[in-house]
Amino acid sequence: MEIVTYDQAVKNRRKHTLSNGTTYWKSEYLQLENEIQGEYPQCFLVEQEPNSTIRPHFHRVDQFQVIVKGEGKFGNQDVRPITVQYADGYKPYGPIIAEENSLHYFTIRAETDYGANFMPEQRNILKKGKKNSYLVKNLDFIPNLLQQPQPVQKELIPSQENGLAAYKLTLGSSQQLECPPAKNTNGQYILIINGSAVLNSKKLGNLTCIFVHPSENSFTLRSTNEGTEALVLNFPKKV
């Protein structure tokens, strides 16, 4: 299991510039300096600057993205927090457009990828066959978690035979809920999006990221006295 808090990740915050001039800040959560593609989970927080566009592109590995702040567009869809996007490897998507406010979103992978393949220039390396994508838009936060009488698990992306699934968990004050299992997946991320949780007396604040390996037991999410909301993102098994 890998656990990284926002405070830890933001220490690695760096500015990047794309070839079209778009700039963004990137905070690394899970990333080895000398990783080999496909051998290690990868997670980072992107802060895309206002009035900027990331052109349509694809990646070679499966990927979730989670919008946690700002407003903009994914393709022709208006998006705001909390929005969950999933795309199979080699599935083109975009553009990603940040409007007057910067757009902040997590990029989450069970396997390492080295960067975007922009369309249409790199269309020639697309793999044939059906590629899936999902967009679950604009999930509202619970306004008062302290009034949550019991834990609730909501399915966002229905569980697939290959293990792909996404859920939203809502816990009131000092509650606990066993997460859906990571078994029979290619790995699972748990992302705290509101409030905080606790593990072995350590507080896990908002925007904490947890990676659960497929061989591990189900993670039990325990909220602090302020309650918590979290996403559970299951990656499909490798074919």
Protein backbone atom coordinates (compact mmCIF):
# COMPACT_ATOMS: atom_id res chain seq x y z
CA MET A 1 0.00 0.00 0.00
CA GLU A 2 1.21 3.51 -0.86
CA ILE A 3 -0.14 6.58 0.98
CA VAL A 4 0.78 10.15 0.02
CA THR A 5 -0.78 13.29 1.50
CA TYR A 6 -1.22 16.60 -0.29
CA ASP A 7 1.38 18.22 1.99
CA GLN A 8 3.93 15.61 0.92
CA ALA A 9 3.12 15.88 -2.79
CA VAL A 10 3.16 19.66 -3.01
CA LYS A 11 6.83 19.67 -1.98
CA ASN A 12 7.50 18.29 -5.49
CA ARG A 13 5.42 20.96 -7.25
CA ARG A 14 7.03 22.01 -10.54
CA LYS A 15 6.02 24.20 -13.51
CA HIS A 16 5.80 22.70 -17.00
CA THR A 17 5.17 24.21 -20.44
CA LEU A 18 3.69 22.36 -23.44
CA SER A 19 4.69 22.96 -27.05
CA ASN A 20 1.56 25.11 -27.64
CA GLY A 21 2.53 27.41 -24.75
CA THR A 22 0.08 26.02 -22.19
CA THR A 23 1.60 26.08 -18.71
CA TYR A 24 0.65 24.01 -15.70
CA TRP A 25 1.94 23.10 -12.26
CA LYS A 26 2.43 19.44 -11.38
CA SER A 27 2.65 17.95 -7.88
CA GLU A 28 3.95 14.39 -7.84
CA TYR A 29 2.20 11.86 -5.61
CA LEU A 30 3.45 8.52 -6.94
CA GLN A 31 6.37 8.57 -9.35
CA LEU A 32 9.78 6.94 -9.31
CA GLU A 33 12.65 8.99 -10.71
CA ASN A 34 13.93 6.11 -12.85
CA GLU A 35 10.76 4.10 -13.38
CA ILE A 36 10.34 1.70 -16.29
CA GLN A 37 7.13 2.25 -18.24
CA GLY A 38 4.37 -0.05 -17.00
CA GLU A 39 6.05 -1.11 -13.76
CA TYR A 40 4.87 1.39 -11.15
CA PRO A 41 1.66 3.29 -10.27
CA GLN A 42 1.69 6.97 -11.18
CA CYS A 43 -0.35 9.82 -9.71
CA PHE A 44 0.02 13.59 -9.85
CA LEU A 45 -2.04 16.75 -9.39
CA VAL A 46 -2.19 19.15 -12.35
CA GLU A 47 -2.96 22.85 -11.91
CA GLN A 48 -3.73 24.03 -15.44
CA GLU A 49 -3.51 27.80 -15.69
CA PRO A 50 -6.55 29.99 -16.62
CA ASN A 51 -7.68 30.36 -20.23
CA SER A 52 -5.47 27.56 -21.48
CA THR A 53 -5.98 24.43 -23.56
CA ILE A 54 -4.38 21.00 -23.59
CA ARG A 55 -4.96 19.61 -27.07
CA PRO A 56 -6.68 16.26 -27.77
CA HIS A 57 -4.35 13.36 -27.06
CA PHE A 58 -4.09 9.82 -25.72
CA HIS A 59 -1.89 7.79 -23.43
CA ARG A 60 -0.65 4.23 -23.78
CA VAL A 61 -2.00 3.11 -20.40
CA ASP A 62 -5.42 3.20 -18.72
CA GLN A 63 -6.11 6.39 -16.81
CA PHE A 64 -8.50 8.14 -14.43
CA GLN A 65 -8.64 11.90 -14.07
CA VAL A 66 -10.47 13.65 -11.23
CA ILE A 67 -11.31 17.37 -11.31
CA VAL A 68 -11.06 18.82 -7.80
CA LYS A 69 -11.07 22.60 -8.41
CA GLY A 70 -12.03 25.17 -11.06
CA GLU A 71 -14.22 25.05 -14.15
CA GLY A 72 -13.63 24.16 -17.76
CA LYS A 73 -14.34 21.62 -20.48
CA PHE A 74 -13.40 18.03 -21.22
CA GLY A 75 -14.08 17.79 -24.93
CA ASN A 76 -17.42 19.56 -25.37
CA GLN A 77 -18.58 18.80 -21.82
CA ASP A 78 -18.71 21.53 -19.15
CA VAL A 79 -17.03 20.23 -16.00
CA ARG A 80 -16.45 21.31 -12.41
CA PRO A 81 -15.63 19.48 -9.16
CA ILE A 82 -16.01 16.66 -8.61
CA THR A 83 -15.78 15.10 -12.09
CA VAL A 84 -14.37 11.63 -12.77
CA GLN A 85 -13.06 10.75 -16.22
CA TYR A 86 -11.75 7.35 -17.31
CA ALA A 87 -10.10 6.40 -20.60
CA ASP A 88 -8.61 3.11 -21.75
CA GLY A 89 -5.06 3.19 -23.00
CA TYR A 90 -4.92 4.46 -26.60
CA LYS A 91 -8.33 6.14 -26.27
CA PRO A 92 -8.08 9.79 -27.46
CA TYR A 93 -9.83 12.47 -25.41
CA GLY A 94 -9.87 16.24 -24.99
CA PRO A 95 -9.23 19.02 -25.43
CA ILE A 96 -8.96 19.95 -21.75
CA ILE A 97 -9.85 23.62 -21.40
CA ALA A 98 -9.34 25.71 -18.27
CA GLU A 99 -11.60 28.74 -18.23
CA GLU A 100 -11.19 31.95 -16.19
CA ASN A 101 -10.33 29.93 -13.10
CA SER A 102 -7.47 27.47 -13.24
CA LEU A 103 -8.49 23.81 -13.54
CA HIS A 104 -7.03 21.39 -10.99
CA TYR A 105 -7.24 17.65 -11.59
CA PHE A 106 -5.57 14.42 -10.61
CA THR A 107 -4.08 12.18 -13.26
CA ILE A 108 -4.12 8.62 -11.92
CA ARG A 109 -2.59 5.49 -13.44
CA ALA A 110 -1.91 1.94 -12.25
CA GLU A 111 1.07 1.85 -14.64
CA THR A 112 3.63 4.48 -15.57
CA ASP A 113 3.25 6.44 -18.81
CA TYR A 114 5.81 8.86 -20.21
CA GLY A 115 3.57 11.50 -21.71
CA ALA A 116 0.81 12.57 -24.08
CA ASN A 117 0.53 11.47 -27.69
CA PHE A 118 -1.12 14.39 -29.44
CA MET A 119 -3.73 14.13 -32.17
CA PRO A 120 -3.73 14.03 -35.09
CA GLU A 121 0.08 13.90 -35.36
CA GLN A 122 0.40 10.54 -33.60
CA ARG A 123 -2.74 8.86 -34.88
CA ASN A 124 -0.55 6.30 -36.64
CA ILE A 125 0.39 4.61 -33.33
CA LEU A 126 -3.20 4.10 -32.15
CA LYS A 127 -4.10 0.46 -31.55
CA LYS A 128 -7.14 -1.02 -33.29
CA GLY A 129 -10.17 -2.22 -31.38
CA LYS A 130 -12.85 -0.71 -29.15
CA LYS A 131 -11.57 1.61 -26.44
CA ASN A 132 -13.82 2.66 -23.55
CA SER A 133 -14.21 5.98 -21.80
CA TYR A 134 -16.52 7.35 -19.11
CA LEU A 135 -17.27 10.83 -17.78
CA VAL A 136 -19.17 11.21 -14.49
CA LYS A 137 -19.77 14.94 -14.13
CA ASN A 138 -20.15 17.47 -11.37
CA LEU A 139 -20.66 15.31 -8.28
CA ASP A 140 -21.83 17.50 -5.42
CA PHE A 141 -20.16 17.46 -2.03
CA ILE A 142 -22.28 16.60 1.01
CA PRO A 143 -22.85 20.05 2.59
CA ASN A 144 -22.69 18.82 6.20
CA LEU A 145 -20.93 15.52 6.77
CA LEU A 146 -21.67 15.69 10.49
CA GLN A 147 -25.32 15.02 9.68
CA GLN A 148 -24.50 11.85 7.72
CA PRO A 149 -26.24 9.13 9.76
CA GLN A 150 -24.38 6.16 8.28
CA PRO A 151 -21.78 5.39 5.60
CA VAL A 152 -22.96 5.37 1.99
CA GLN A 153 -21.32 3.80 -1.07
CA LYS A 154 -22.46 5.07 -4.48
CA GLU A 155 -21.49 3.40 -7.76
CA LEU A 156 -20.18 5.87 -10.35
CA ILE A 157 -18.88 3.49 -13.03
CA PRO A 158 -20.60 0.08 -12.86
CA SER A 159 -18.28 -2.80 -12.06
CA GLN A 160 -17.01 -4.47 -15.23
CA GLU A 161 -15.87 -8.07 -15.75
CA ASN A 162 -12.30 -6.82 -16.23
CA GLY A 163 -12.31 -5.12 -12.82
CA LEU A 164 -12.93 -1.52 -13.92
CA ALA A 165 -15.19 0.36 -11.49
CA ALA A 166 -15.53 3.64 -9.61
CA TYR A 167 -17.35 4.50 -6.39
CA LYS A 168 -17.96 7.48 -4.12
CA LEU A 169 -17.91 6.81 -0.37
CA THR A 170 -19.48 9.19 2.15
CA LEU A 171 -18.85 8.85 5.88
CA GLY A 172 -20.08 10.99 8.73
CA SER A 173 -18.20 11.68 11.94
CA SER A 174 -16.03 8.78 13.19
CA GLN A 175 -17.54 6.14 10.90
CA GLN A 176 -15.91 3.34 8.93
CA LEU A 177 -16.62 1.46 5.72
CA GLU A 178 -14.76 -1.35 3.98
CA CYS A 179 -13.85 -0.31 0.44
CA PRO A 180 -14.65 -2.53 -2.55
CA PRO A 181 -11.82 -5.02 -2.99
CA ALA A 182 -8.75 -4.42 -5.14
CA LYS A 183 -8.56 -8.13 -5.91
CA ASN A 184 -9.09 -8.96 -9.60
CA THR A 185 -8.09 -5.44 -10.65
CA ASN A 186 -4.84 -3.89 -11.85
CA GLY A 187 -4.73 -1.82 -8.68
CA GLN A 188 -6.99 0.54 -6.78
CA TYR A 189 -6.75 4.20 -5.79
CA ILE A 190 -8.60 5.79 -2.90
CA LEU A 191 -8.70 9.59 -3.13
CA ILE A 192 -10.00 11.72 -0.27
CA ILE A 193 -11.96 14.61 -1.75
CA ASN A 194 -13.61 16.14 1.33
CA GLY A 195 -12.91 16.05 5.05
CA SER A 196 -10.32 13.65 6.41
CA ALA A 197 -9.67 10.05 7.39
CA VAL A 198 -7.40 8.33 9.86
CA LEU A 199 -5.07 5.32 9.65
CA ASN A 200 -3.10 4.04 12.64
CA SER A 201 -3.67 7.35 14.47
CA LYS A 202 -2.31 9.33 11.47
CA LYS A 203 -4.64 11.92 9.97
CA LEU A 204 -5.10 11.70 6.20
CA GLY A 205 -6.25 15.12 5.06
CA ASN A 206 -8.11 16.28 1.97
CA LEU A 207 -6.48 15.25 -1.34
CA THR A 208 -4.65 12.31 0.22
CA CYS A 209 -4.02 9.52 -2.29
CA ILE A 210 -3.87 5.81 -1.37
CA PHE A 211 -2.82 3.04 -3.77
CA VAL A 212 -3.88 -0.51 -2.89
CA HIS A 213 -2.13 -3.35 -4.70
CA PRO A 214 -4.29 -6.20 -6.09
CA SER A 215 -2.70 -8.66 -3.67
CA GLU A 216 -3.72 -6.64 -0.60
CA ASN A 217 -6.80 -6.96 1.57
CA SER A 218 -9.66 -4.48 1.21
CA PHE A 219 -8.89 -1.09 2.75
CA THR A 220 -11.15 0.05 5.58
CA LEU A 221 -11.81 3.78 5.37
CA ARG A 222 -12.20 5.43 8.78
CA SER A 223 -13.32 9.04 9.03
CA THR A 224 -12.20 11.57 11.62
CA ASN A 225 -14.76 13.50 13.65
CA GLU A 226 -15.23 15.85 10.66
CA GLY A 227 -16.30 13.03 8.31
CA THR A 228 -14.95 12.28 4.86
CA GLU A 229 -15.85 11.74 1.22
CA ALA A 230 -13.60 9.59 -0.95
CA LEU A 231 -13.43 8.10 -4.42
CA VAL A 232 -12.50 4.46 -5.01
CA LEU A 233 -11.08 3.89 -8.51
CA ASN A 234 -10.47 0.33 -9.69
CA PHE A 235 -8.31 -0.25 -12.75
CA PRO A 236 -9.10 -3.05 -15.22
CA LYS A 237 -6.88 -6.11 -15.25
CA LYS A 238 -4.18 -6.26 -17.88
CA VAL A 239 -5.17 -8.32 -20.91
